[in-house]
C-alpha cells in the first residue's frame, strides 16, 4: 500500500509540475493572445465548459490529456485563489497541490506499514 501511495504521489507531482511548465511555456512571448484568453477564461486551473472546449480545439491530444489530469489534480485548490492575475491563479493551486501530493502523501506513505519480505 505504501508503494502505491508513493507512486501516486510522484505521478501527481510530475503532472502538476509538467502542467505548470506547459502553462509557463505558452505564456512566454504571448502578450496580446494572453489578454484574449483571460477574457475567455481558458487559462484558469479549472476552466469553464466553453473554455475547456476551446482548449481542446487548440491543443493536441497529449497536451490536452496532461491539462485534463492537471485540472483534476488542481481542482481542490482552485477556490483558494481570489486574485484575477493568471499567474497567481496557476502558481497558488500548483504550490498547494505539490505540498499535499508531494509532502503530505509521502508522509502518509512513510507512516503506513511496509510489506515484509518473505
Protein backbone atom coordinates (compact mmCIF):
# COMPACT_ATOMS: atom_id res chain seq x y z
CA UNK A 1 0.00 0.00 0.00
CA UNK A 2 2.80 2.41 0.86
CA UNK A 3 4.45 1.89 -2.52
CA UNK A 4 1.15 2.65 -4.31
CA UNK A 5 0.79 5.90 -2.34
CA UNK A 6 4.39 6.83 -3.19
CA UNK A 7 3.82 6.08 -6.88
CA UNK A 8 0.63 8.18 -6.93
CA UNK A 9 2.46 10.99 -5.13
CA UNK A 10 5.29 11.03 -7.64
CA UNK A 11 2.94 10.86 -10.65
CA UNK A 12 0.68 13.60 -9.28
CA UNK A 13 3.63 15.91 -8.58
CA UNK A 14 5.07 15.23 -12.03
CA UNK A 15 1.74 16.06 -13.70
CA UNK A 16 1.29 19.25 -11.68
CA UNK A 17 4.85 20.37 -12.45
CA UNK A 18 4.53 19.47 -16.14
CA UNK A 19 1.20 21.29 -16.38
CA UNK A 20 2.72 24.42 -14.87
CA UNK A 21 5.77 24.24 -17.16
CA UNK A 22 3.47 23.90 -20.18
CA UNK A 23 1.47 26.91 -18.98
CA UNK A 24 4.63 28.99 -18.48
CA UNK A 25 5.95 28.00 -21.90
CA UNK A 26 2.66 29.03 -23.53
CA UNK A 27 2.80 32.40 -21.76
CA UNK A 28 6.32 33.21 -22.93
CA UNK A 29 6.06 35.86 -25.63
CA UNK A 30 2.25 35.90 -25.97
CA UNK A 31 1.12 39.33 -24.78
CA UNK A 32 -1.99 40.04 -26.83
CA UNK A 33 -3.16 36.42 -27.04
CA UNK A 34 -2.88 36.25 -23.27
CA UNK A 35 -5.35 39.10 -22.85
CA UNK A 36 -7.86 37.48 -25.22
CA UNK A 37 -7.67 34.16 -23.33
CA UNK A 38 -8.07 35.91 -19.99
CA UNK A 39 -11.38 37.30 -21.16
CA UNK A 40 -12.44 33.84 -22.34
CA UNK A 41 -11.31 32.17 -19.09
CA UNK A 42 -9.30 29.48 -20.90
CA UNK A 43 -6.25 29.55 -18.66
CA UNK A 44 -7.89 29.14 -15.25
CA UNK A 45 -6.82 25.96 -13.45
CA UNK A 46 -10.43 24.75 -13.59
CA UNK A 47 -11.77 26.11 -16.89
CA UNK A 48 -15.41 26.60 -17.74
CA UNK A 49 -17.10 24.23 -20.19
CA UNK A 50 -16.65 26.75 -23.02
CA UNK A 51 -13.01 27.28 -22.10
CA UNK A 52 -12.40 23.53 -21.98
CA UNK A 53 -13.90 23.03 -25.45
CA UNK A 54 -11.82 25.88 -26.85
CA UNK A 55 -8.65 24.49 -25.28
CA UNK A 56 -9.39 21.04 -26.76
CA UNK A 57 -9.63 22.55 -30.26
CA UNK A 58 -6.35 24.48 -29.91
CA UNK A 59 -4.18 21.70 -28.44
CA UNK A 60 -3.16 18.24 -29.48
CA UNK A 61 -4.21 15.03 -27.73
CA UNK A 62 -1.18 14.68 -25.43
CA UNK A 63 -1.10 18.28 -24.12
CA UNK A 64 -4.87 18.13 -23.62
CA UNK A 65 -4.60 14.89 -21.64
CA UNK A 66 -1.91 16.46 -19.43
CA UNK A 67 -4.08 19.56 -18.95
CA UNK A 68 -7.11 17.44 -18.07
CA UNK A 69 -5.13 15.49 -15.46
CA UNK A 70 -3.69 18.75 -14.14
CA UNK A 71 -7.19 20.27 -13.92
CA UNK A 72 -8.36 17.28 -11.92
CA UNK A 73 -5.40 17.42 -9.54
CA UNK A 74 -5.67 21.20 -9.04
CA UNK A 75 -9.47 21.34 -8.68
CA UNK A 76 -9.46 21.02 -4.86
CA UNK A 77 -7.16 24.04 -4.63
CA UNK A 78 -8.70 26.34 -7.24
CA UNK A 79 -11.11 28.00 -4.81
CA UNK A 80 -8.21 29.14 -2.61
CA UNK A 81 -7.31 31.89 -5.06
CA UNK A 82 -9.19 35.17 -5.19
CA UNK A 83 -6.81 37.02 -7.49
CA UNK A 84 -7.54 37.93 -11.10
CA UNK A 85 -3.85 37.57 -12.02
CA UNK A 86 -3.47 34.45 -14.16
CA UNK A 87 -0.02 33.68 -12.73
CA UNK A 88 -1.40 33.72 -9.19
CA UNK A 89 -4.32 31.54 -10.31
CA UNK A 90 -1.80 28.97 -11.55
CA UNK A 91 1.03 29.21 -9.00
CA UNK A 92 -1.00 29.07 -5.77
CA UNK A 93 -3.01 25.91 -6.60
CA UNK A 94 0.13 24.26 -8.02
CA UNK A 95 2.07 25.05 -4.83
CA UNK A 96 -0.69 23.66 -2.62
CA UNK A 97 -1.00 20.57 -4.83
CA UNK A 98 2.74 19.92 -4.62
CA UNK A 99 2.59 20.31 -0.84
CA UNK A 100 -0.35 17.96 -0.42
CA UNK A 101 0.51 15.39 -3.09
CA UNK A 102 4.25 15.52 -2.58
CA UNK A 103 4.93 16.18 1.07
CA UNK A 104 1.62 15.02 2.55
CA UNK A 105 1.27 11.76 0.66
CA UNK A 106 4.92 10.85 1.16
CA UNK A 107 4.47 11.39 4.91
CA UNK A 108 1.42 9.15 4.76
CA UNK A 109 3.33 6.52 2.79
CA UNK A 110 6.13 6.54 5.37
CA UNK A 111 3.60 6.09 8.17
CA UNK A 112 1.99 3.05 6.52
CA UNK A 113 3.35 -0.38 7.40
CA UNK A 114 5.71 -1.80 4.82
CA UNK A 115 5.36 -5.22 3.30
CA UNK A 116 7.75 -7.73 4.86
CA UNK A 117 9.94 -9.78 2.52
CA UNK A 118 9.20 -13.50 2.61
